[in-house]
Each structure stands twice: as C-alpha cells, then as structure tokens.
Amino acid sequence: MVTATPHERLAAEEHGTAYRCWAVAYPAYETRSIPLGALDTASPRLALRWLRERTRNVTDQLDAAYAQPGRHWLRDEAEHERALAYLTGGTAYQLTLYDENTRYVLVAYPPGVTS
C-alpha cells in the first residue's frame, strides 16, 4: 500500500492545495473494497504520476488480455494531457480497469472536490 510521507503531506498543506489520489479494488461478490493506496500531493502533475505508477502496478498483475487497456492508457500521452487539464480545471479524473473477478478504480481529484 502506498501512502503519503509526512514530507509530501507538508508540501501539499503549505500550498493550501492537496490533490487527492486513491486506488481501490472491488472484488465481485464481496461487500468490502480493498484499498490499493492513497496519496495527497501538491500538484496535478504529481497526481498524474501517481496514477501512472499505480496503473502500472495493477496492470503488471493482470493477465495479458485484461492488462491491455491499462497498458494502452500508460502509452496514451493525449489522454494524460486530458487528465492534467481536468485536474487543473477543477474536475476529478478516474480510470477503471477490470478483470474477470475485480474492478480496479484509480482516482485523482483536485482541492475542493470530494470523492
């Protein structure tokens, strides 16, 4: 599980802006979700970097067919620019990946936006 270090939290708090990032797995037929990590960061670029790292971690553990959408997203620079535009414009960005039994949701949202 990835969490923010105290230094990262302080940096976000100093600027008065904390971009929230989190990833969760939702297994089919389960009542609870599985947290895959969270981070508060001071910039939309750092939030996007965290989304890419976490997406890489998830896709590395999926079978090839299920990993393909995540791998495509990792190479899609235009989509990364769109995600940055959303975050800097005050809109949350979400990426959802699936395998046969689990839904993986990765989210980044700017200050003032609730999950």
N, C-alpha and C. Protein backbone atom coordinates (compact mmCIF):
# COMPACT_ATOMS: atom_id res chain seq x y z
N MET A 1 0.84 -1.18 0.00
CA MET A 1 0.00 0.00 0.00
C MET A 1 0.89 1.24 0.00
N VAL A 2 0.54 2.22 -0.82
CA VAL A 2 1.29 3.45 -0.91
C VAL A 2 0.55 4.53 -0.16
N THR A 3 1.26 5.22 0.71
CA THR A 3 0.67 6.34 1.41
C THR A 3 1.63 7.51 1.33
N ALA A 4 1.14 8.68 1.57
CA ALA A 4 1.97 9.87 1.51
C ALA A 4 2.92 9.91 2.69
N THR A 5 4.13 10.32 2.44
CA THR A 5 5.09 10.52 3.52
C THR A 5 4.78 11.85 4.18
N PRO A 6 5.24 12.06 5.41
CA PRO A 6 4.97 13.34 6.07
C PRO A 6 5.45 14.54 5.24
N HIS A 7 6.59 14.41 4.57
CA HIS A 7 7.11 15.50 3.74
C HIS A 7 6.14 15.84 2.61
N GLU A 8 5.57 14.83 1.96
CA GLU A 8 4.62 15.07 0.87
C GLU A 8 3.36 15.75 1.40
N ARG A 9 2.89 15.35 2.56
CA ARG A 9 1.71 15.98 3.13
C ARG A 9 1.99 17.43 3.46
N LEU A 10 3.16 17.71 4.06
CA LEU A 10 3.50 19.08 4.40
C LEU A 10 3.60 19.95 3.16
N ALA A 11 4.19 19.43 2.10
CA ALA A 11 4.31 20.20 0.86
C ALA A 11 2.94 20.55 0.33
N ALA A 12 2.01 19.62 0.37
CA ALA A 12 0.65 19.88 -0.10
C ALA A 12 -0.05 20.90 0.79
N GLU A 13 0.13 20.79 2.10
CA GLU A 13 -0.52 21.69 3.02
C GLU A 13 0.05 23.10 2.92
N GLU A 14 1.37 23.24 2.68
CA GLU A 14 1.99 24.55 2.57
C GLU A 14 1.36 25.35 1.43
N HIS A 15 1.05 24.70 0.33
CA HIS A 15 0.48 25.37 -0.82
C HIS A 15 -1.03 25.55 -0.67
N GLY A 16 -1.62 24.95 0.35
CA GLY A 16 -3.05 25.06 0.55
C GLY A 16 -3.85 24.24 -0.46
N THR A 17 -3.17 23.43 -1.23
CA THR A 17 -3.84 22.61 -2.23
C THR A 17 -3.36 21.19 -2.10
N ALA A 18 -4.27 20.31 -1.94
CA ALA A 18 -3.90 18.90 -1.86
C ALA A 18 -4.71 18.14 -2.90
N TYR A 19 -4.02 17.64 -3.91
CA TYR A 19 -4.65 16.75 -4.88
C TYR A 19 -4.69 15.38 -4.24
N ARG A 20 -5.89 14.81 -4.15
CA ARG A 20 -6.09 13.51 -3.52
C ARG A 20 -6.06 12.43 -4.59
N CYS A 21 -5.35 11.36 -4.30
CA CYS A 21 -5.28 10.21 -5.21
C CYS A 21 -5.56 8.96 -4.40
N TRP A 22 -6.29 8.04 -5.00
CA TRP A 22 -6.51 6.75 -4.35
C TRP A 22 -6.83 5.70 -5.38
N ALA A 23 -6.58 4.47 -4.98
CA ALA A 23 -6.89 3.31 -5.82
C ALA A 23 -7.53 2.25 -4.94
N VAL A 24 -8.56 1.60 -5.49
CA VAL A 24 -9.31 0.60 -4.74
C VAL A 24 -9.69 -0.54 -5.67
N ALA A 25 -9.65 -1.75 -5.14
CA ALA A 25 -10.13 -2.92 -5.87
C ALA A 25 -11.49 -3.32 -5.29
N TYR A 26 -12.42 -3.60 -6.20
CA TYR A 26 -13.76 -4.05 -5.80
C TYR A 26 -13.96 -5.47 -6.31
N PRO A 27 -13.70 -6.47 -5.46
CA PRO A 27 -13.90 -7.86 -5.90
C PRO A 27 -15.39 -8.15 -6.10
N ALA A 28 -15.67 -8.94 -7.12
CA ALA A 28 -17.04 -9.35 -7.37
C ALA A 28 -17.54 -10.19 -6.20
N TYR A 29 -18.77 -10.03 -5.88
CA TYR A 29 -19.43 -10.83 -4.84
C TYR A 29 -18.87 -10.57 -3.45
N GLU A 30 -18.20 -9.45 -3.25
CA GLU A 30 -17.69 -9.08 -1.93
C GLU A 30 -18.41 -7.82 -1.47
N THR A 31 -18.52 -7.65 -0.19
CA THR A 31 -19.16 -6.46 0.35
C THR A 31 -18.16 -5.37 0.69
N ARG A 32 -16.88 -5.71 0.73
CA ARG A 32 -15.86 -4.71 1.09
C ARG A 32 -14.91 -4.49 -0.08
N SER A 33 -14.38 -3.29 -0.15
CA SER A 33 -13.37 -2.97 -1.14
C SER A 33 -11.98 -3.19 -0.53
N ILE A 34 -10.98 -3.24 -1.39
CA ILE A 34 -9.60 -3.43 -0.95
C ILE A 34 -8.81 -2.18 -1.35
N PRO A 35 -8.34 -1.40 -0.37
CA PRO A 35 -7.55 -0.22 -0.70
C PRO A 35 -6.21 -0.63 -1.32
N LEU A 36 -5.84 0.04 -2.40
CA LEU A 36 -4.58 -0.24 -3.08
C LEU A 36 -3.58 0.90 -2.94
N GLY A 37 -3.95 1.93 -2.23
CA GLY A 37 -3.03 3.04 -1.99
C GLY A 37 -3.73 4.37 -2.07
N ALA A 38 -3.09 5.36 -1.46
CA ALA A 38 -3.61 6.72 -1.46
C ALA A 38 -2.45 7.69 -1.31
N LEU A 39 -2.68 8.91 -1.78
CA LEU A 39 -1.64 9.93 -1.71
C LEU A 39 -2.28 11.31 -1.77
N ASP A 40 -1.77 12.24 -0.98
CA ASP A 40 -2.07 13.66 -1.12
C ASP A 40 -0.83 14.29 -1.72
N THR A 41 -1.00 15.09 -2.76
CA THR A 41 0.13 15.71 -3.40
C THR A 41 -0.20 17.15 -3.76
N ALA A 42 0.83 17.95 -4.01
CA ALA A 42 0.66 19.38 -4.20
C ALA A 42 0.36 19.81 -5.63
N SER A 43 0.46 18.92 -6.60
CA SER A 43 0.27 19.37 -7.98
C SER A 43 -0.47 18.32 -8.81
N PRO A 44 -1.11 18.78 -9.89
CA PRO A 44 -1.78 17.82 -10.77
C PRO A 44 -0.79 16.90 -11.48
N ARG A 45 0.40 17.38 -11.78
CA ARG A 45 1.41 16.52 -12.42
C ARG A 45 1.85 15.38 -11.50
N LEU A 46 2.02 15.68 -10.22
CA LEU A 46 2.38 14.62 -9.28
C LEU A 46 1.22 13.64 -9.10
N ALA A 47 -0.01 14.14 -9.14
CA ALA A 47 -1.17 13.26 -9.06
C ALA A 47 -1.20 12.32 -10.27
N LEU A 48 -0.96 12.87 -11.46
CA LEU A 48 -0.93 12.04 -12.67
C LEU A 48 0.21 11.03 -12.61
N ARG A 49 1.35 11.43 -12.11
CA ARG A 49 2.49 10.49 -11.97
C ARG A 49 2.09 9.33 -11.06
N TRP A 50 1.40 9.65 -9.96
CA TRP A 50 0.96 8.59 -9.05
C TRP A 50 -0.03 7.66 -9.75
N LEU A 51 -0.97 8.23 -10.52
CA LEU A 51 -1.92 7.39 -11.27
C LEU A 51 -1.19 6.46 -12.22
N ARG A 52 -0.17 6.96 -12.91
CA ARG A 52 0.58 6.11 -13.84
C ARG A 52 1.31 4.99 -13.10
N GLU A 53 1.95 5.33 -12.00
CA GLU A 53 2.66 4.30 -11.23
C GLU A 53 1.70 3.23 -10.72
N ARG A 54 0.57 3.66 -10.18
CA ARG A 54 -0.39 2.70 -9.64
C ARG A 54 -1.02 1.87 -10.77
N THR A 55 -1.29 2.49 -11.92
CA THR A 55 -1.82 1.75 -13.07
C THR A 55 -0.82 0.70 -13.53
N ARG A 56 0.44 1.06 -13.56
CA ARG A 56 1.49 0.09 -13.93
C ARG A 56 1.50 -1.08 -12.94
N ASN A 57 1.37 -0.79 -11.65
CA ASN A 57 1.34 -1.86 -10.64
C ASN A 57 0.16 -2.79 -10.85
N VAL A 58 -1.00 -2.23 -11.13
CA VAL A 58 -2.20 -3.06 -11.34
C VAL A 58 -2.04 -3.89 -12.61
N THR A 59 -1.68 -3.26 -13.73
CA THR A 59 -1.60 -4.00 -14.99
C THR A 59 -0.52 -5.07 -14.97
N ASP A 60 0.54 -4.86 -14.21
CA ASP A 60 1.59 -5.87 -14.10
C ASP A 60 1.08 -7.16 -13.46
N GLN A 61 0.00 -7.07 -12.72
CA GLN A 61 -0.53 -8.24 -12.03
C GLN A 61 -1.74 -8.88 -12.73
N LEU A 62 -2.17 -8.28 -13.83
CA LEU A 62 -3.32 -8.81 -14.56
C LEU A 62 -2.87 -9.72 -15.70
N ASP A 63 -3.74 -10.64 -16.10
CA ASP A 63 -3.49 -11.42 -17.31
C ASP A 63 -3.42 -10.47 -18.49
N ALA A 64 -2.71 -10.88 -19.54
CA ALA A 64 -2.44 -10.01 -20.69
C ALA A 64 -3.69 -9.36 -21.28
N ALA A 65 -4.74 -10.12 -21.48
CA ALA A 65 -5.95 -9.57 -22.09
C ALA A 65 -6.57 -8.48 -21.22
N TYR A 66 -6.59 -8.66 -19.93
CA TYR A 66 -7.17 -7.67 -19.03
C TYR A 66 -6.23 -6.49 -18.81
N ALA A 67 -4.93 -6.69 -18.96
CA ALA A 67 -3.95 -5.63 -18.77
C ALA A 67 -3.89 -4.68 -19.96
N GLN A 68 -4.36 -5.11 -21.13
CA GLN A 68 -4.22 -4.31 -22.34
C GLN A 68 -4.79 -2.90 -22.23
N PRO A 69 -6.00 -2.69 -21.72
CA PRO A 69 -6.49 -1.31 -21.61
C PRO A 69 -5.61 -0.43 -20.72
N GLY A 70 -5.11 -0.98 -19.63
CA GLY A 70 -4.21 -0.22 -18.76
C GLY A 70 -2.90 0.09 -19.44
N ARG A 71 -2.36 -0.86 -20.18
CA ARG A 71 -1.10 -0.62 -20.90
C ARG A 71 -1.30 0.43 -21.99
N HIS A 72 -2.45 0.37 -22.65
CA HIS A 72 -2.75 1.40 -23.65
C HIS A 72 -2.82 2.78 -23.00
N TRP A 73 -3.51 2.87 -21.87
CA TRP A 73 -3.61 4.14 -21.16
C TRP A 73 -2.23 4.66 -20.77
N LEU A 74 -1.34 3.77 -20.34
CA LEU A 74 0.00 4.20 -19.94
C LEU A 74 0.78 4.83 -21.09
N ARG A 75 0.49 4.45 -22.33
CA ARG A 75 1.19 4.99 -23.51
C ARG A 75 0.46 6.16 -24.16
N ASP A 76 -0.72 6.48 -23.68
CA ASP A 76 -1.57 7.49 -24.33
C ASP A 76 -1.28 8.89 -23.78
N GLU A 77 -0.32 9.58 -24.40
CA GLU A 77 0.07 10.91 -23.94
C GLU A 77 -1.08 11.92 -24.06
N ALA A 78 -1.89 11.79 -25.10
CA ALA A 78 -3.02 12.71 -25.26
C ALA A 78 -4.00 12.56 -24.09
N GLU A 79 -4.23 11.34 -23.66
CA GLU A 79 -5.12 11.11 -22.52
C GLU A 79 -4.51 11.67 -21.23
N HIS A 80 -3.19 11.57 -21.09
CA HIS A 80 -2.53 12.13 -19.91
C HIS A 80 -2.69 13.65 -19.89
N GLU A 81 -2.58 14.28 -21.05
CA GLU A 81 -2.79 15.73 -21.13
C GLU A 81 -4.23 16.09 -20.79
N ARG A 82 -5.16 15.26 -21.22
CA ARG A 82 -6.56 15.49 -20.88
C ARG A 82 -6.77 15.36 -19.37
N ALA A 83 -6.14 14.36 -18.75
CA ALA A 83 -6.26 14.20 -17.30
C ALA A 83 -5.70 15.42 -16.58
N LEU A 84 -4.56 15.94 -17.05
CA LEU A 84 -3.99 17.15 -16.44
C LEU A 84 -4.94 18.33 -16.59
N ALA A 85 -5.54 18.45 -17.76
CA ALA A 85 -6.49 19.54 -17.99
C ALA A 85 -7.68 19.43 -17.05
N TYR A 86 -8.18 18.23 -16.85
CA TYR A 86 -9.29 18.04 -15.91
C TYR A 86 -8.88 18.48 -14.51
N LEU A 87 -7.73 17.97 -14.05
CA LEU A 87 -7.29 18.25 -12.69
C LEU A 87 -7.02 19.74 -12.47
N THR A 88 -6.34 20.38 -13.41
CA THR A 88 -6.05 21.80 -13.25
C THR A 88 -7.32 22.64 -13.40
N GLY A 89 -8.31 22.12 -14.10
CA GLY A 89 -9.58 22.82 -14.26
C GLY A 89 -10.57 22.57 -13.14
N GLY A 90 -10.19 21.74 -12.16
CA GLY A 90 -11.05 21.52 -11.01
C GLY A 90 -11.96 20.31 -11.11
N THR A 91 -11.68 19.40 -12.06
CA THR A 91 -12.50 18.21 -12.24
C THR A 91 -11.69 16.96 -11.90
N ALA A 92 -12.33 16.01 -11.25
CA ALA A 92 -11.67 14.76 -10.91
C ALA A 92 -11.44 13.92 -12.17
N TYR A 93 -10.46 13.02 -12.09
CA TYR A 93 -10.17 12.10 -13.20
C TYR A 93 -10.17 10.68 -12.65
N GLN A 94 -10.83 9.77 -13.36
CA GLN A 94 -10.94 8.38 -12.92
C GLN A 94 -10.58 7.43 -14.04
N LEU A 95 -9.85 6.39 -13.69
CA LEU A 95 -9.53 5.30 -14.61
C LEU A 95 -10.03 4.02 -13.96
N THR A 96 -10.77 3.22 -14.71
CA THR A 96 -11.29 1.96 -14.19
C THR A 96 -10.80 0.82 -15.07
N LEU A 97 -10.23 -0.19 -14.44
CA LEU A 97 -9.76 -1.40 -15.12
C LEU A 97 -10.52 -2.59 -14.56
N TYR A 98 -10.60 -3.64 -15.35
CA TYR A 98 -11.36 -4.83 -14.95
C TYR A 98 -10.55 -6.09 -15.22
N ASP A 99 -10.84 -7.12 -14.44
CA ASP A 99 -10.52 -8.49 -14.84
C ASP A 99 -11.78 -9.29 -14.59
N GLU A 100 -11.71 -10.59 -14.69
CA GLU A 100 -12.93 -11.37 -14.62
C GLU A 100 -13.63 -11.30 -13.26
N ASN A 101 -12.90 -11.00 -12.20
CA ASN A 101 -13.50 -11.01 -10.87
C ASN A 101 -13.39 -9.69 -10.10
N THR A 102 -12.72 -8.69 -10.66
CA THR A 102 -12.43 -7.49 -9.88
C THR A 102 -12.50 -6.24 -10.75
N ARG A 103 -12.96 -5.16 -10.16
CA ARG A 103 -12.93 -3.84 -10.79
C ARG A 103 -11.92 -3.00 -10.01
N TYR A 104 -11.00 -2.35 -10.72
CA TYR A 104 -9.95 -1.53 -10.12
C TYR A 104 -10.24 -0.08 -10.48
N VAL A 105 -10.40 0.76 -9.47
CA VAL A 105 -10.72 2.16 -9.70
C VAL A 105 -9.57 3.01 -9.18
N LEU A 106 -9.05 3.87 -10.06
CA LEU A 106 -7.96 4.78 -9.71
C LEU A 106 -8.46 6.19 -9.94
N VAL A 107 -8.33 7.05 -8.94
CA VAL A 107 -8.93 8.38 -8.99
C VAL A 107 -7.93 9.42 -8.50
N ALA A 108 -7.96 10.59 -9.15
CA ALA A 108 -7.26 11.77 -8.66
C ALA A 108 -8.27 12.91 -8.71
N TYR A 109 -8.30 13.72 -7.68
CA TYR A 109 -9.20 14.87 -7.71
C TYR A 109 -8.53 16.07 -7.05
N PRO A 110 -8.89 17.26 -7.56
CA PRO A 110 -8.26 18.48 -7.10
C PRO A 110 -8.84 18.98 -5.79
N PRO A 111 -8.21 19.97 -5.22
CA PRO A 111 -8.72 20.56 -3.96
C PRO A 111 -10.14 21.06 -4.15
N GLY A 112 -10.93 20.88 -3.12
CA GLY A 112 -12.31 21.37 -3.16
C GLY A 112 -13.29 20.39 -3.76
N VAL A 113 -12.81 19.31 -4.35
CA VAL A 113 -13.68 18.30 -4.94
C VAL A 113 -13.71 17.11 -3.98
N THR A 114 -14.88 16.61 -3.69
CA THR A 114 -14.99 15.44 -2.81
C THR A 114 -15.10 14.19 -3.63
N SER A 115 -14.71 13.08 -3.04
CA SER A 115 -14.70 11.80 -3.76
C SER A 115 -16.03 11.24 -4.06
